[in-house]
Amino acid sequence: MIDTKYALYASLFLDENRNSITTTEKARLKELLYSMKESGELSKWIEEYFPDEVLKFARQTPQGRMKNKKWNDDRNQFLLLSYYAYRILEASKYLMEELSGAPEHGPYREVCTNYGVLYLKISDRNFLGQDLLD
């Protein structure tokens, strides 16, 4: 199973991402997401930047993110990348926490059914990334 320390690191990365956006920018991000969703631009943005560019962004250190002109020339782009990177990190943290508690050994039927229940629990979870916006 995955080491529980990775879930801890995911929590640290979530905090790092959350703290890189000011309260004013969080309000701007809410407005941006709403207006882009209403205009249909959000679907286009997601199609263009998710997951590849978002993953590049999420894997960078805060210093690396600040050095990338492509991400910083447009603050709205930075906010959107931050939001979707947060969603990915939030999902990874949850998945790692769940997997680290799953049984590795035991009766085959029990382990198999436990993982089935775990899958249903994970697939039912909705990662909205709201904590970033609060």
N, C-alpha and C. Protein backbone atom coordinates (compact mmCIF):
# COMPACT_ATOMS: atom_id res chain seq x y z
N MET A 1 0.82 -1.19 0.00
CA MET A 1 0.00 0.00 0.00
C MET A 1 0.87 1.25 0.00
N ILE A 2 0.25 2.34 -0.30
CA ILE A 2 0.97 3.62 -0.35
C ILE A 2 1.29 4.09 1.08
N ASP A 3 2.44 4.66 1.23
CA ASP A 3 2.88 5.16 2.53
C ASP A 3 2.02 6.36 2.92
N THR A 4 1.60 6.42 4.17
CA THR A 4 0.73 7.51 4.65
C THR A 4 1.41 8.87 4.59
N LYS A 5 2.73 8.89 4.52
CA LYS A 5 3.42 10.20 4.46
C LYS A 5 3.04 10.98 3.20
N TYR A 6 2.65 10.29 2.13
CA TYR A 6 2.27 10.98 0.91
C TYR A 6 0.96 11.76 1.09
N ALA A 7 0.04 11.23 1.86
CA ALA A 7 -1.18 11.97 2.16
C ALA A 7 -0.85 13.23 2.96
N LEU A 8 0.12 13.12 3.85
CA LEU A 8 0.57 14.29 4.61
C LEU A 8 1.14 15.34 3.67
N TYR A 9 1.99 14.91 2.74
CA TYR A 9 2.55 15.85 1.76
C TYR A 9 1.46 16.48 0.91
N ALA A 10 0.47 15.69 0.53
CA ALA A 10 -0.64 16.24 -0.24
C ALA A 10 -1.34 17.34 0.54
N SER A 11 -1.51 17.15 1.84
CA SER A 11 -2.11 18.19 2.69
C SER A 11 -1.26 19.46 2.70
N LEU A 12 0.04 19.28 2.78
CA LEU A 12 0.94 20.44 2.75
C LEU A 12 0.85 21.17 1.41
N PHE A 13 0.77 20.41 0.32
CA PHE A 13 0.66 21.03 -1.00
C PHE A 13 -0.68 21.75 -1.17
N LEU A 14 -1.74 21.19 -0.57
CA LEU A 14 -3.03 21.88 -0.61
C LEU A 14 -2.95 23.22 0.11
N ASP A 15 -2.33 23.22 1.29
CA ASP A 15 -2.17 24.47 2.05
C ASP A 15 -1.32 25.46 1.27
N GLU A 16 -0.26 24.98 0.67
CA GLU A 16 0.62 25.82 -0.13
C GLU A 16 -0.16 26.48 -1.27
N ASN A 17 -0.98 25.70 -1.94
CA ASN A 17 -1.78 26.20 -3.05
C ASN A 17 -2.81 27.21 -2.54
N ARG A 18 -3.49 26.88 -1.45
CA ARG A 18 -4.51 27.76 -0.88
C ARG A 18 -3.90 29.10 -0.47
N ASN A 19 -2.71 29.05 0.11
CA ASN A 19 -2.08 30.27 0.60
C ASN A 19 -1.46 31.13 -0.49
N SER A 20 -1.39 30.60 -1.71
CA SER A 20 -0.81 31.39 -2.80
C SER A 20 -1.82 32.35 -3.42
N ILE A 21 -3.06 32.30 -2.95
CA ILE A 21 -4.11 33.16 -3.48
C ILE A 21 -4.69 34.00 -2.35
N THR A 22 -4.77 35.28 -2.57
CA THR A 22 -5.30 36.19 -1.54
C THR A 22 -6.82 36.04 -1.45
N THR A 23 -7.39 36.58 -0.38
CA THR A 23 -8.84 36.56 -0.18
C THR A 23 -9.54 37.28 -1.34
N THR A 24 -8.99 38.38 -1.78
CA THR A 24 -9.56 39.12 -2.91
C THR A 24 -9.52 38.28 -4.17
N GLU A 25 -8.41 37.57 -4.37
CA GLU A 25 -8.29 36.73 -5.56
C GLU A 25 -9.24 35.53 -5.51
N LYS A 26 -9.51 35.04 -4.32
CA LYS A 26 -10.47 33.94 -4.19
C LYS A 26 -11.86 34.40 -4.62
N ALA A 27 -12.22 35.62 -4.23
CA ALA A 27 -13.50 36.17 -4.66
C ALA A 27 -13.51 36.35 -6.17
N ARG A 28 -12.41 36.83 -6.71
CA ARG A 28 -12.29 36.99 -8.17
C ARG A 28 -12.39 35.63 -8.87
N LEU A 29 -11.79 34.61 -8.31
CA LEU A 29 -11.84 33.28 -8.89
C LEU A 29 -13.27 32.76 -8.93
N LYS A 30 -14.04 32.97 -7.86
CA LYS A 30 -15.45 32.55 -7.84
C LYS A 30 -16.21 33.22 -8.99
N GLU A 31 -16.01 34.52 -9.14
CA GLU A 31 -16.67 35.26 -10.22
C GLU A 31 -16.22 34.75 -11.58
N LEU A 32 -14.93 34.52 -11.72
CA LEU A 32 -14.37 34.04 -12.98
C LEU A 32 -14.95 32.68 -13.36
N LEU A 33 -14.98 31.75 -12.41
CA LEU A 33 -15.53 30.43 -12.68
C LEU A 33 -17.00 30.52 -13.08
N TYR A 34 -17.75 31.36 -12.38
CA TYR A 34 -19.17 31.52 -12.69
C TYR A 34 -19.37 32.12 -14.09
N SER A 35 -18.67 33.20 -14.37
CA SER A 35 -18.86 33.86 -15.67
C SER A 35 -18.39 32.98 -16.83
N MET A 36 -17.27 32.29 -16.63
CA MET A 36 -16.78 31.41 -17.69
C MET A 36 -17.71 30.21 -17.90
N LYS A 37 -18.30 29.73 -16.83
CA LYS A 37 -19.25 28.62 -16.96
C LYS A 37 -20.49 29.09 -17.73
N GLU A 38 -20.97 30.26 -17.37
CA GLU A 38 -22.16 30.82 -18.04
C GLU A 38 -21.92 31.06 -19.53
N SER A 39 -20.73 31.52 -19.88
CA SER A 39 -20.43 31.84 -21.28
C SER A 39 -19.96 30.63 -22.09
N GLY A 40 -19.70 29.52 -21.42
CA GLY A 40 -19.20 28.34 -22.11
C GLY A 40 -17.69 28.33 -22.26
N GLU A 41 -17.02 29.37 -21.79
CA GLU A 41 -15.57 29.46 -21.89
C GLU A 41 -14.85 28.49 -20.96
N LEU A 42 -15.48 28.13 -19.86
CA LEU A 42 -14.83 27.22 -18.91
C LEU A 42 -14.62 25.85 -19.54
N SER A 43 -15.60 25.37 -20.27
CA SER A 43 -15.45 24.07 -20.95
C SER A 43 -14.30 24.12 -21.94
N LYS A 44 -14.17 25.22 -22.65
CA LYS A 44 -13.07 25.38 -23.61
C LYS A 44 -11.73 25.42 -22.88
N TRP A 45 -11.69 26.13 -21.76
CA TRP A 45 -10.45 26.22 -20.98
C TRP A 45 -10.05 24.84 -20.49
N ILE A 46 -11.01 24.11 -19.93
CA ILE A 46 -10.74 22.77 -19.42
C ILE A 46 -10.23 21.86 -20.53
N GLU A 47 -10.86 21.94 -21.69
CA GLU A 47 -10.45 21.11 -22.82
C GLU A 47 -9.00 21.41 -23.23
N GLU A 48 -8.61 22.68 -23.15
CA GLU A 48 -7.27 23.07 -23.56
C GLU A 48 -6.20 22.80 -22.49
N TYR A 49 -6.53 23.01 -21.22
CA TYR A 49 -5.51 23.00 -20.18
C TYR A 49 -5.57 21.84 -19.19
N PHE A 50 -6.68 21.08 -19.21
CA PHE A 50 -6.84 20.00 -18.24
C PHE A 50 -6.74 18.66 -18.93
N PRO A 51 -5.89 17.76 -18.49
CA PRO A 51 -5.11 17.82 -17.27
C PRO A 51 -3.66 18.26 -17.46
N ASP A 52 -3.15 18.28 -18.71
CA ASP A 52 -1.70 18.43 -18.92
C ASP A 52 -1.10 19.68 -18.28
N GLU A 53 -1.61 20.84 -18.60
CA GLU A 53 -1.03 22.07 -18.07
C GLU A 53 -1.28 22.18 -16.56
N VAL A 54 -2.43 21.73 -16.11
CA VAL A 54 -2.74 21.74 -14.68
C VAL A 54 -1.77 20.85 -13.92
N LEU A 55 -1.45 19.68 -14.48
CA LEU A 55 -0.49 18.79 -13.83
C LEU A 55 0.90 19.40 -13.77
N LYS A 56 1.32 20.06 -14.84
CA LYS A 56 2.62 20.74 -14.82
C LYS A 56 2.64 21.79 -13.71
N PHE A 57 1.56 22.53 -13.60
CA PHE A 57 1.43 23.57 -12.58
C PHE A 57 1.47 22.96 -11.18
N ALA A 58 0.70 21.89 -10.96
CA ALA A 58 0.61 21.27 -9.64
C ALA A 58 1.94 20.67 -9.20
N ARG A 59 2.74 20.23 -10.15
CA ARG A 59 4.02 19.58 -9.81
C ARG A 59 5.14 20.57 -9.51
N GLN A 60 4.92 21.84 -9.79
CA GLN A 60 5.94 22.85 -9.56
C GLN A 60 5.93 23.34 -8.12
N THR A 61 7.08 23.81 -7.68
CA THR A 61 7.16 24.50 -6.40
C THR A 61 6.55 25.89 -6.57
N PRO A 62 6.21 26.57 -5.49
CA PRO A 62 5.69 27.93 -5.63
C PRO A 62 6.67 28.84 -6.39
N GLN A 63 7.96 28.66 -6.15
CA GLN A 63 8.96 29.47 -6.86
C GLN A 63 8.94 29.15 -8.35
N GLY A 64 8.80 27.88 -8.69
CA GLY A 64 8.73 27.48 -10.09
C GLY A 64 7.50 28.04 -10.78
N ARG A 65 6.40 28.09 -10.06
CA ARG A 65 5.17 28.66 -10.63
C ARG A 65 5.34 30.14 -10.92
N MET A 66 6.02 30.84 -10.00
CA MET A 66 6.19 32.28 -10.16
C MET A 66 7.14 32.62 -11.31
N LYS A 67 8.06 31.72 -11.63
CA LYS A 67 9.02 31.96 -12.70
C LYS A 67 8.43 31.74 -14.09
N ASN A 68 7.34 31.02 -14.16
CA ASN A 68 6.76 30.68 -15.46
C ASN A 68 5.90 31.84 -15.96
N LYS A 69 6.41 32.57 -16.96
CA LYS A 69 5.70 33.74 -17.47
C LYS A 69 4.36 33.37 -18.08
N LYS A 70 4.31 32.19 -18.69
CA LYS A 70 3.06 31.75 -19.32
C LYS A 70 1.93 31.68 -18.29
N TRP A 71 2.27 31.35 -17.05
CA TRP A 71 1.26 31.24 -16.00
C TRP A 71 1.01 32.56 -15.30
N ASN A 72 1.96 33.48 -15.36
CA ASN A 72 1.85 34.70 -14.58
C ASN A 72 1.52 35.95 -15.38
N ASP A 73 1.62 35.89 -16.70
CA ASP A 73 1.28 37.06 -17.50
C ASP A 73 -0.21 37.39 -17.39
N ASP A 74 -1.01 36.38 -17.16
CA ASP A 74 -2.45 36.55 -17.02
C ASP A 74 -2.85 35.99 -15.66
N ARG A 75 -3.21 36.86 -14.73
CA ARG A 75 -3.52 36.40 -13.37
C ARG A 75 -4.74 35.47 -13.36
N ASN A 76 -5.68 35.69 -14.26
CA ASN A 76 -6.83 34.79 -14.34
C ASN A 76 -6.38 33.37 -14.67
N GLN A 77 -5.41 33.26 -15.56
CA GLN A 77 -4.87 31.94 -15.90
C GLN A 77 -4.24 31.29 -14.66
N PHE A 78 -3.49 32.07 -13.90
CA PHE A 78 -2.88 31.56 -12.67
C PHE A 78 -3.95 31.09 -11.70
N LEU A 79 -5.03 31.84 -11.56
CA LEU A 79 -6.10 31.47 -10.65
C LEU A 79 -6.78 30.18 -11.09
N LEU A 80 -7.05 30.04 -12.37
CA LEU A 80 -7.69 28.83 -12.87
C LEU A 80 -6.78 27.61 -12.70
N LEU A 81 -5.52 27.78 -13.01
CA LEU A 81 -4.56 26.69 -12.81
C LEU A 81 -4.48 26.31 -11.34
N SER A 82 -4.48 27.29 -10.46
CA SER A 82 -4.44 27.04 -9.02
C SER A 82 -5.66 26.25 -8.58
N TYR A 83 -6.82 26.65 -9.07
CA TYR A 83 -8.06 26.00 -8.69
C TYR A 83 -8.07 24.52 -9.11
N TYR A 84 -7.72 24.26 -10.35
CA TYR A 84 -7.77 22.88 -10.82
C TYR A 84 -6.60 22.04 -10.28
N ALA A 85 -5.48 22.66 -10.00
CA ALA A 85 -4.38 21.95 -9.33
C ALA A 85 -4.83 21.56 -7.92
N TYR A 86 -5.54 22.45 -7.27
CA TYR A 86 -6.07 22.17 -5.94
C TYR A 86 -7.01 20.97 -5.99
N ARG A 87 -7.87 20.95 -6.98
CA ARG A 87 -8.82 19.83 -7.11
C ARG A 87 -8.08 18.50 -7.28
N ILE A 88 -7.04 18.50 -8.09
CA ILE A 88 -6.26 17.27 -8.29
C ILE A 88 -5.57 16.85 -7.00
N LEU A 89 -4.97 17.81 -6.31
CA LEU A 89 -4.29 17.50 -5.05
C LEU A 89 -5.27 17.04 -3.98
N GLU A 90 -6.43 17.64 -3.97
CA GLU A 90 -7.46 17.23 -3.00
C GLU A 90 -7.88 15.78 -3.27
N ALA A 91 -8.08 15.44 -4.53
CA ALA A 91 -8.46 14.07 -4.89
C ALA A 91 -7.34 13.10 -4.54
N SER A 92 -6.10 13.49 -4.79
CA SER A 92 -4.98 12.59 -4.49
C SER A 92 -4.85 12.35 -3.00
N LYS A 93 -5.03 13.39 -2.21
CA LYS A 93 -4.96 13.25 -0.76
C LYS A 93 -6.03 12.28 -0.26
N TYR A 94 -7.23 12.47 -0.74
CA TYR A 94 -8.33 11.60 -0.33
C TYR A 94 -8.06 10.15 -0.74
N LEU A 95 -7.63 9.95 -1.97
CA LEU A 95 -7.35 8.60 -2.46
C LEU A 95 -6.25 7.93 -1.64
N MET A 96 -5.18 8.66 -1.38
CA MET A 96 -4.07 8.09 -0.61
C MET A 96 -4.50 7.75 0.82
N GLU A 97 -5.31 8.61 1.43
CA GLU A 97 -5.80 8.32 2.78
C GLU A 97 -6.65 7.05 2.78
N GLU A 98 -7.50 6.93 1.79
CA GLU A 98 -8.36 5.76 1.72
C GLU A 98 -7.57 4.49 1.44
N LEU A 99 -6.63 4.55 0.51
CA LEU A 99 -5.84 3.38 0.17
C LEU A 99 -4.92 2.94 1.31
N SER A 100 -4.40 3.91 2.04
CA SER A 100 -3.48 3.54 3.11
C SER A 100 -4.18 2.78 4.23
N GLY A 101 -5.49 2.91 4.32
CA GLY A 101 -6.24 2.19 5.34
C GLY A 101 -6.87 0.90 4.85
N ALA A 102 -6.70 0.60 3.57
CA ALA A 102 -7.32 -0.60 2.99
C ALA A 102 -6.48 -1.83 3.32
N PRO A 103 -7.13 -2.95 3.53
CA PRO A 103 -6.39 -4.17 3.87
C PRO A 103 -5.57 -4.69 2.70
N GLU A 104 -4.38 -5.18 2.99
CA GLU A 104 -3.52 -5.76 1.95
C GLU A 104 -3.61 -7.27 1.94
N HIS A 105 -3.92 -7.83 3.08
CA HIS A 105 -3.92 -9.29 3.22
C HIS A 105 -5.20 -9.72 3.89
N GLY A 106 -5.48 -10.98 3.73
CA GLY A 106 -6.66 -11.57 4.36
C GLY A 106 -7.37 -12.48 3.38
N PRO A 107 -8.55 -12.92 3.75
CA PRO A 107 -9.31 -13.78 2.85
C PRO A 107 -9.60 -13.05 1.52
N TYR A 108 -9.41 -13.74 0.43
CA TYR A 108 -9.55 -13.12 -0.89
C TYR A 108 -10.89 -12.42 -1.07
N ARG A 109 -11.95 -13.10 -0.71
CA ARG A 109 -13.28 -12.51 -0.91
C ARG A 109 -13.45 -11.24 -0.07
N GLU A 110 -12.93 -11.25 1.13
CA GLU A 110 -13.06 -10.08 1.99
C GLU A 110 -12.25 -8.90 1.43
N VAL A 111 -11.01 -9.15 1.03
CA VAL A 111 -10.18 -8.08 0.48
C VAL A 111 -10.81 -7.54 -0.81
N CYS A 112 -11.25 -8.44 -1.68
CA CYS A 112 -11.86 -8.01 -2.95
C CYS A 112 -13.12 -7.17 -2.72
N THR A 113 -13.98 -7.62 -1.81
CA THR A 113 -15.20 -6.84 -1.57
C THR A 113 -14.89 -5.53 -0.87
N ASN A 114 -13.89 -5.52 0.01
CA ASN A 114 -13.51 -4.26 0.67
C ASN A 114 -13.02 -3.23 -0.35
N TYR A 115 -12.25 -3.70 -1.32
CA TYR A 115 -11.78 -2.78 -2.36
C TYR A 115 -12.93 -2.33 -3.26
N GLY A 116 -13.90 -3.18 -3.45
CA GLY A 116 -15.09 -2.78 -4.20
C GLY A 116 -15.84 -1.66 -3.49
N VAL A 117 -16.00 -1.81 -2.20
CA VAL A 117 -16.66 -0.77 -1.40
C VAL A 117 -15.83 0.51 -1.43
N LEU A 118 -14.54 0.37 -1.34
CA LEU A 118 -13.65 1.53 -1.40
C LEU A 118 -13.81 2.25 -2.74
N TYR A 119 -13.86 1.50 -3.83
CA TYR A 119 -14.07 2.11 -5.15
C TYR A 119 -15.38 2.88 -5.19
N LEU A 120 -16.44 2.28 -4.70
CA LEU A 120 -17.74 2.96 -4.70
C LEU A 120 -17.68 4.24 -3.88
N LYS A 121 -17.01 4.18 -2.75
CA LYS A 121 -16.86 5.36 -1.89
C LYS A 121 -16.10 6.46 -2.61
N ILE A 122 -15.01 6.08 -3.28
CA ILE A 122 -14.19 7.06 -3.99
C ILE A 122 -14.92 7.62 -5.20
N SER A 123 -15.59 6.76 -5.96
CA SER A 123 -16.26 7.22 -7.17
C SER A 123 -17.47 8.10 -6.86
N ASP A 124 -18.01 7.95 -5.64
CA ASP A 124 -19.16 8.75 -5.23
C ASP A 124 -18.74 10.12 -4.69
N ARG A 125 -17.49 10.28 -4.40
CA ARG A 125 -16.98 11.53 -3.82
C ARG A 125 -16.89 12.61 -4.89
N ASN A 126 -17.33 13.80 -4.57
CA ASN A 126 -17.30 14.91 -5.52
C ASN A 126 -16.25 15.92 -5.05
N PHE A 127 -15.21 16.10 -5.84
CA PHE A 127 -14.12 17.02 -5.48
C PHE A 127 -14.36 18.38 -6.10
N LEU A 128 -14.97 19.25 -5.33
CA LEU A 128 -15.31 20.57 -5.85
C LEU A 128 -14.25 21.61 -5.57
N GLY A 129 -13.31 21.32 -4.71
CA GLY A 129 -12.25 22.28 -4.42
C GLY A 129 -12.75 23.52 -3.71
N GLN A 130 -13.88 23.43 -3.03
CA GLN A 130 -14.47 24.61 -2.41
C GLN A 130 -13.58 25.21 -1.33
N ASP A 131 -12.79 24.39 -0.64
CA ASP A 131 -11.93 24.92 0.41
C ASP A 131 -11.01 26.01 -0.11
N LEU A 132 -10.57 25.87 -1.33
CA LEU A 132 -9.68 26.88 -1.91
C LEU A 132 -10.41 28.22 -2.02
N LEU A 133 -11.69 28.17 -2.28
CA LEU A 133 -12.46 29.39 -2.51
C LEU A 133 -12.98 30.02 -1.23
N ASP A 134 -12.94 29.29 -0.14
CA ASP A 134 -13.46 29.81 1.14
C ASP A 134 -12.45 30.69 1.83
